[in-house]
């Protein structure tokens, strides 16, 4: 199973990124887990250039096409989704292989609810299949632990492992209805 992770923050010390790195450390051997690192290279979405999209967009499309499921971890900025994740999703709106893709959303804050709800609404509008058991609030914001420390701590690892199990279960037998 191939899982592609998207981080909504470009910060090198991002808590969202650390959460995804901890998830990578906990992924089972049957999972090919990768964190996409090219979101900062995407140009601002412009439908006028979609038909001749640059290489950075094609790389994103290729990565999404090759994934069995996506995990998105993104902080909340000013009660909204980050520009990074919104721009990424804008490039995927018209990309047919994204439609119906299983997606987990990790909310890295115990307080951020506006962006989490907005992100889920955007994904539902784009026809993503949100995996209920894998869309979690995992409070990494404010935590100074490294990804390895998060992966080792029961407070994080139990939630991450439950989400990975839900993703694996969903991918092996996706629901026939209930979009």
C-alpha atoms as a PDB file:
ATOM      1  CA  UNK A   1       0.000   0.000   0.000  1.00  0.00           C
ATOM      2  CA  UNK A   2       1.355   3.400  -1.020  1.00  0.00           C
ATOM      3  CA  UNK A   3       0.563   6.330   1.262  1.00  0.00           C
ATOM      4  CA  UNK A   4       1.439   9.866   0.216  1.00  0.00           C
ATOM      5  CA  UNK A   5       1.603  12.520   2.929  1.00  0.00           C
ATOM      6  CA  UNK A   6       1.098  16.228   2.264  1.00  0.00           C
ATOM      7  CA  UNK A   7       2.228  18.820   4.794  1.00  0.00           C
ATOM      8  CA  UNK A   8       0.429  22.148   4.792  1.00  0.00           C
ATOM      9  CA  UNK A   9       3.414  23.969   6.255  1.00  0.00           C
ATOM     10  CA  UNK A  10       6.701  24.744   4.546  1.00  0.00           C
ATOM     11  CA  UNK A  11       8.543  25.362   7.855  1.00  0.00           C
ATOM     12  CA  UNK A  12      11.483  23.018   8.432  1.00  0.00           C
ATOM     13  CA  UNK A  13      10.508  22.689  12.105  1.00  0.00           C
ATOM     14  CA  UNK A  14       6.798  22.330  11.389  1.00  0.00           C
ATOM     15  CA  UNK A  15       4.826  20.321  13.925  1.00  0.00           C
ATOM     16  CA  UNK A  16       2.675  19.033  11.053  1.00  0.00           C
ATOM     17  CA  UNK A  17       5.806  17.737   9.355  1.00  0.00           C
ATOM     18  CA  UNK A  18       7.070  16.155  12.587  1.00  0.00           C
ATOM     19  CA  UNK A  19       3.684  14.444  12.950  1.00  0.00           C
ATOM     20  CA  UNK A  20       3.944  13.049   9.421  1.00  0.00           C
ATOM     21  CA  UNK A  21       7.526  11.930  10.079  1.00  0.00           C
ATOM     22  CA  UNK A  22       6.343  10.135  13.222  1.00  0.00           C
ATOM     23  CA  UNK A  23       3.642   8.492  11.115  1.00  0.00           C
ATOM     24  CA  UNK A  24       6.270   7.372   8.609  1.00  0.00           C
ATOM     25  CA  UNK A  25       8.263   5.824  11.462  1.00  0.00           C
ATOM     26  CA  UNK A  26       5.180   3.886  12.623  1.00  0.00           C
ATOM     27  CA  UNK A  27       4.010   2.737   9.178  1.00  0.00           C
ATOM     28  CA  UNK A  28       4.012  -1.014   8.756  1.00  0.00           C
ATOM     29  CA  UNK A  29       6.300  -2.861   6.384  1.00  0.00           C
ATOM     30  CA  UNK A  30       3.358  -3.356   4.021  1.00  0.00           C
ATOM     31  CA  UNK A  31       3.095   0.426   3.616  1.00  0.00           C
ATOM     32  CA  UNK A  32       5.236   2.479   1.302  1.00  0.00           C
ATOM     33  CA  UNK A  33       5.014   5.835   3.087  1.00  0.00           C
ATOM     34  CA  UNK A  34       6.365   9.026   1.537  1.00  0.00           C
ATOM     35  CA  UNK A  35       6.118  12.676   2.464  1.00  0.00           C
ATOM     36  CA  UNK A  36       5.824  14.836  -0.629  1.00  0.00           C
ATOM     37  CA  UNK A  37       8.408  17.614  -0.439  1.00  0.00           C
ATOM     38  CA  UNK A  38       7.602  19.667  -3.544  1.00  0.00           C
ATOM     39  CA  UNK A  39       4.614  21.732  -2.404  1.00  0.00           C
ATOM     40  CA  UNK A  40       6.732  24.875  -2.092  1.00  0.00           C
ATOM     41  CA  UNK A  41       7.708  24.561  -5.752  1.00  0.00           C
ATOM     42  CA  UNK A  42       4.141  24.725  -7.050  1.00  0.00           C
ATOM     43  CA  UNK A  43       3.218  27.999  -8.754  1.00  0.00           C
ATOM     44  CA  UNK A  44       0.076  29.741  -7.640  1.00  0.00           C
ATOM     45  CA  UNK A  45      -2.851  27.942  -9.216  1.00  0.00           C
ATOM     46  CA  UNK A  46      -3.934  29.483 -12.489  1.00  0.00           C
ATOM     47  CA  UNK A  47      -6.499  27.689 -14.662  1.00  0.00           C
ATOM     48  CA  UNK A  48      -5.024  29.432 -17.713  1.00  0.00           C
ATOM     49  CA  UNK A  49      -1.836  27.365 -17.411  1.00  0.00           C
ATOM     50  CA  UNK A  50      -3.399  24.099 -16.253  1.00  0.00           C
ATOM     51  CA  UNK A  51      -3.275  22.626 -19.773  1.00  0.00           C
ATOM     52  CA  UNK A  52       0.488  23.306 -19.943  1.00  0.00           C
ATOM     53  CA  UNK A  53       1.273  22.908 -16.263  1.00  0.00           C
ATOM     54  CA  UNK A  54       4.916  23.153 -15.208  1.00  0.00           C
ATOM     55  CA  UNK A  55       7.019  20.158 -14.155  1.00  0.00           C
ATOM     56  CA  UNK A  56       6.361  20.773 -10.452  1.00  0.00           C
ATOM     57  CA  UNK A  57       2.623  20.297 -10.999  1.00  0.00           C
ATOM     58  CA  UNK A  58       3.167  17.178 -13.092  1.00  0.00           C
ATOM     59  CA  UNK A  59       5.349  15.771 -10.289  1.00  0.00           C
ATOM     60  CA  UNK A  60       2.503  16.333  -7.806  1.00  0.00           C
ATOM     61  CA  UNK A  61      -0.025  14.733 -10.155  1.00  0.00           C
ATOM     62  CA  UNK A  62       2.264  11.742 -10.669  1.00  0.00           C
ATOM     63  CA  UNK A  63       2.746  11.297  -6.909  1.00  0.00           C
ATOM     64  CA  UNK A  64      -0.999  11.507  -6.242  1.00  0.00           C
ATOM     65  CA  UNK A  65      -1.767   9.049  -9.056  1.00  0.00           C
ATOM     66  CA  UNK A  66       0.658   6.535  -7.577  1.00  0.00           C
ATOM     67  CA  UNK A  67      -0.781   6.739  -4.063  1.00  0.00           C
ATOM     68  CA  UNK A  68      -3.434   4.394  -2.719  1.00  0.00           C
ATOM     69  CA  UNK A  69      -4.278   6.930   0.002  1.00  0.00           C
ATOM     70  CA  UNK A  70      -3.256  10.407   1.157  1.00  0.00           C
ATOM     71  CA  UNK A  71      -2.630  11.846   4.608  1.00  0.00           C
ATOM     72  CA  UNK A  72      -2.810  15.610   4.991  1.00  0.00           C
ATOM     73  CA  UNK A  73      -1.447  17.329   8.103  1.00  0.00           C
ATOM     74  CA  UNK A  74      -1.776  21.086   8.086  1.00  0.00           C
ATOM     75  CA  UNK A  75      -1.826  23.847  10.662  1.00  0.00           C
ATOM     76  CA  UNK A  76      -4.475  26.525  10.961  1.00  0.00           C
ATOM     77  CA  UNK A  77      -3.560  30.076   9.954  1.00  0.00           C
ATOM     78  CA  UNK A  78      -5.985  32.858  10.918  1.00  0.00           C
ATOM     79  CA  UNK A  79      -8.889  30.388  11.244  1.00  0.00           C
ATOM     80  CA  UNK A  80      -8.258  28.971   7.780  1.00  0.00           C
ATOM     81  CA  UNK A  81      -6.304  26.437   5.789  1.00  0.00           C
ATOM     82  CA  UNK A  82      -2.776  27.396   4.870  1.00  0.00           C
ATOM     83  CA  UNK A  83      -2.039  28.874   1.468  1.00  0.00           C
ATOM     84  CA  UNK A  84       0.304  25.947   0.862  1.00  0.00           C
ATOM     85  CA  UNK A  85      -2.369  23.264   1.208  1.00  0.00           C
ATOM     86  CA  UNK A  86      -5.055  25.330  -0.538  1.00  0.00           C
ATOM     87  CA  UNK A  87      -2.808  25.925  -3.538  1.00  0.00           C
ATOM     88  CA  UNK A  88      -1.942  22.226  -3.638  1.00  0.00           C
ATOM     89  CA  UNK A  89      -5.600  21.237  -3.569  1.00  0.00           C
ATOM     90  CA  UNK A  90      -6.437  23.837  -6.221  1.00  0.00           C
ATOM     91  CA  UNK A  91      -3.969  22.072  -8.546  1.00  0.00           C
ATOM     92  CA  UNK A  92      -5.774  18.800  -7.797  1.00  0.00           C
ATOM     93  CA  UNK A  93      -9.363  20.043  -8.294  1.00  0.00           C
ATOM     94  CA  UNK A  94      -9.505  19.178 -11.977  1.00  0.00           C
ATOM     95  CA  UNK A  95      -7.133  16.228 -11.746  1.00  0.00           C
ATOM     96  CA  UNK A  96      -9.375  13.211 -12.329  1.00  0.00           C
ATOM     97  CA  UNK A  97      -7.217  10.594 -10.503  1.00  0.00           C
ATOM     98  CA  UNK A  98      -7.707  12.574  -7.271  1.00  0.00           C
ATOM     99  CA  UNK A  99     -11.470  12.057  -7.355  1.00  0.00           C
ATOM    100  CA  UNK A 100     -12.431   9.206  -5.048  1.00  0.00           C
ATOM    101  CA  UNK A 101      -8.974   9.038  -3.444  1.00  0.00           C
ATOM    102  CA  UNK A 102      -9.039   7.936   0.225  1.00  0.00           C
ATOM    103  CA  UNK A 103      -7.770  10.763   2.433  1.00  0.00           C
ATOM    104  CA  UNK A 104      -6.944  11.050   6.128  1.00  0.00           C
ATOM    105  CA  UNK A 105      -6.704  14.469   7.751  1.00  0.00           C
ATOM    106  CA  UNK A 106      -4.470  14.950  10.776  1.00  0.00           C
ATOM    107  CA  UNK A 107      -5.261  18.121  12.697  1.00  0.00           C
ATOM    108  CA  UNK A 108      -2.047  18.876  14.601  1.00  0.00           C
ATOM    109  CA  UNK A 109      -3.659  21.204  17.142  1.00  0.00           C
ATOM    110  CA  UNK A 110      -5.966  20.673  20.086  1.00  0.00           C
ATOM    111  CA  UNK A 111      -7.491  24.130  19.473  1.00  0.00           C
ATOM    112  CA  UNK A 112      -7.685  24.471  15.686  1.00  0.00           C
ATOM    113  CA  UNK A 113     -11.138  23.587  14.460  1.00  0.00           C
ATOM    114  CA  UNK A 114     -11.854  26.161  11.749  1.00  0.00           C
ATOM    115  CA  UNK A 115      -9.185  25.009   9.301  1.00  0.00           C
ATOM    116  CA  UNK A 116      -9.897  21.357  10.057  1.00  0.00           C
ATOM    117  CA  UNK A 117     -13.556  21.752   9.123  1.00  0.00           C
ATOM    118  CA  UNK A 118     -12.694  23.914   6.105  1.00  0.00           C
ATOM    119  CA  UNK A 119     -10.137  21.378   4.873  1.00  0.00           C
ATOM    120  CA  UNK A 120     -12.600  18.523   5.208  1.00  0.00           C
ATOM    121  CA  UNK A 121     -15.248  20.527   3.335  1.00  0.00           C
ATOM    122  CA  UNK A 122     -12.799  21.308   0.523  1.00  0.00           C
ATOM    123  CA  UNK A 123     -11.880  17.624   0.283  1.00  0.00           C
ATOM    124  CA  UNK A 124     -15.531  16.511   0.254  1.00  0.00           C
ATOM    125  CA  UNK A 125     -16.245  19.056  -2.484  1.00  0.00           C
ATOM    126  CA  UNK A 126     -13.332  17.590  -4.472  1.00  0.00           C
ATOM    127  CA  UNK A 127     -14.863  14.091  -4.106  1.00  0.00           C
ATOM    128  CA  UNK A 128     -12.124  12.776  -1.820  1.00  0.00           C
ATOM    129  CA  UNK A 129     -13.116   9.823   0.366  1.00  0.00           C
ATOM    130  CA  UNK A 130     -12.449  10.950   3.923  1.00  0.00           C
ATOM    131  CA  UNK A 131     -11.556   7.964   6.082  1.00  0.00           C
ATOM    132  CA  UNK A 132     -13.523   8.617   9.264  1.00  0.00           C
ATOM    133  CA  UNK A 133     -11.315   6.514  11.525  1.00  0.00           C
ATOM    134  CA  UNK A 134      -8.209   8.208  10.186  1.00  0.00           C
ATOM    135  CA  UNK A 135      -9.261  11.858  10.395  1.00  0.00           C
ATOM    136  CA  UNK A 136      -7.930  12.757  13.803  1.00  0.00           C
ATOM    137  CA  UNK A 137      -6.895  15.595  16.045  1.00  0.00           C
ATOM    138  CA  UNK A 138      -3.378  14.732  17.188  1.00  0.00           C
ATOM    139  CA  UNK A 139      -2.143  17.683  19.275  1.00  0.00           C
ATOM    140  CA  UNK A 140       1.437  18.152  18.090  1.00  0.00           C
ATOM    141  CA  UNK A 141       1.289  21.968  18.083  1.00  0.00           C
ATOM    142  CA  UNK A 142       3.157  23.307  21.070  1.00  0.00           C
ATOM    143  CA  UNK A 143       4.997  20.019  21.488  1.00  0.00           C
ATOM    144  CA  UNK A 144       8.765  20.196  21.241  1.00  0.00           C
ATOM    145  CA  UNK A 145       9.270  16.481  20.691  1.00  0.00           C
ATOM    146  CA  UNK A 146      11.065  15.184  17.658  1.00  0.00           C
ATOM    147  CA  UNK A 147       9.301  12.891  15.222  1.00  0.00           C
ATOM    148  CA  UNK A 148      11.022   9.889  16.828  1.00  0.00           C
ATOM    149  CA  UNK A 149       9.921  10.986  20.292  1.00  0.00           C
ATOM    150  CA  UNK A 150       6.341  11.358  19.030  1.00  0.00           C
ATOM    151  CA  UNK A 151       6.478   7.905  17.471  1.00  0.00           C
ATOM    152  CA  UNK A 152       7.683   6.474  20.785  1.00  0.00           C
ATOM    153  CA  UNK A 153       5.171   8.284  23.011  1.00  0.00           C
ATOM    154  CA  UNK A 154       1.919   6.466  23.703  1.00  0.00           C
ATOM    155  CA  UNK A 155      -0.027   9.738  23.527  1.00  0.00           C
ATOM    156  CA  UNK A 156       0.878  10.079  19.851  1.00  0.00           C
ATOM    157  CA  UNK A 157       1.616   6.556  18.682  1.00  0.00           C
ATOM    158  CA  UNK A 158      -1.761   5.097  19.690  1.00  0.00           C
ATOM    159  CA  UNK A 159      -3.648   7.663  17.591  1.00  0.00           C
ATOM    160  CA  UNK A 160      -1.247   7.381  14.661  1.00  0.00           C
ATOM    161  CA  UNK A 161      -1.378   3.577  14.669  1.00  0.00           C
ATOM    162  CA  UNK A 162      -5.188   3.655  14.819  1.00  0.00           C
ATOM    163  CA  UNK A 163      -5.248   6.015  11.835  1.00  0.00           C
ATOM    164  CA  UNK A 164      -2.848   3.833   9.844  1.00  0.00           C
ATOM    165  CA  UNK A 165      -4.972   0.790  10.624  1.00  0.00           C
ATOM    166  CA  UNK A 166      -8.103   2.625   9.458  1.00  0.00           C
ATOM    167  CA  UNK A 167      -6.359   3.646   6.231  1.00  0.00           C
ATOM    168  CA  UNK A 168      -5.192   0.101   5.590  1.00  0.00           C
ATOM    169  CA  UNK A 169      -8.650  -1.289   6.322  1.00  0.00           C
ATOM    170  CA  UNK A 170     -10.346   1.270   4.095  1.00  0.00           C
ATOM    171  CA  UNK A 171      -7.987   0.647   1.199  1.00  0.00           C
ATOM    172  CA  UNK A 172      -8.408  -3.104   1.401  1.00  0.00           C
ATOM    173  CA  UNK A 173     -12.215  -2.915   1.374  1.00  0.00           C
ATOM    174  CA  UNK A 174     -13.523   0.573   0.534  1.00  0.00           C
ATOM    175  CA  UNK A 175     -17.212   1.210   1.204  1.00  0.00           C
ATOM    176  CA  UNK A 176     -19.446   0.652  -1.799  1.00  0.00           C
ATOM    177  CA  UNK A 177     -21.657   3.618  -0.978  1.00  0.00           C
ATOM    178  CA  UNK A 178     -21.922   6.478   1.466  1.00  0.00           C
ATOM    179  CA  UNK A 179     -19.791   8.968  -0.384  1.00  0.00           C
END
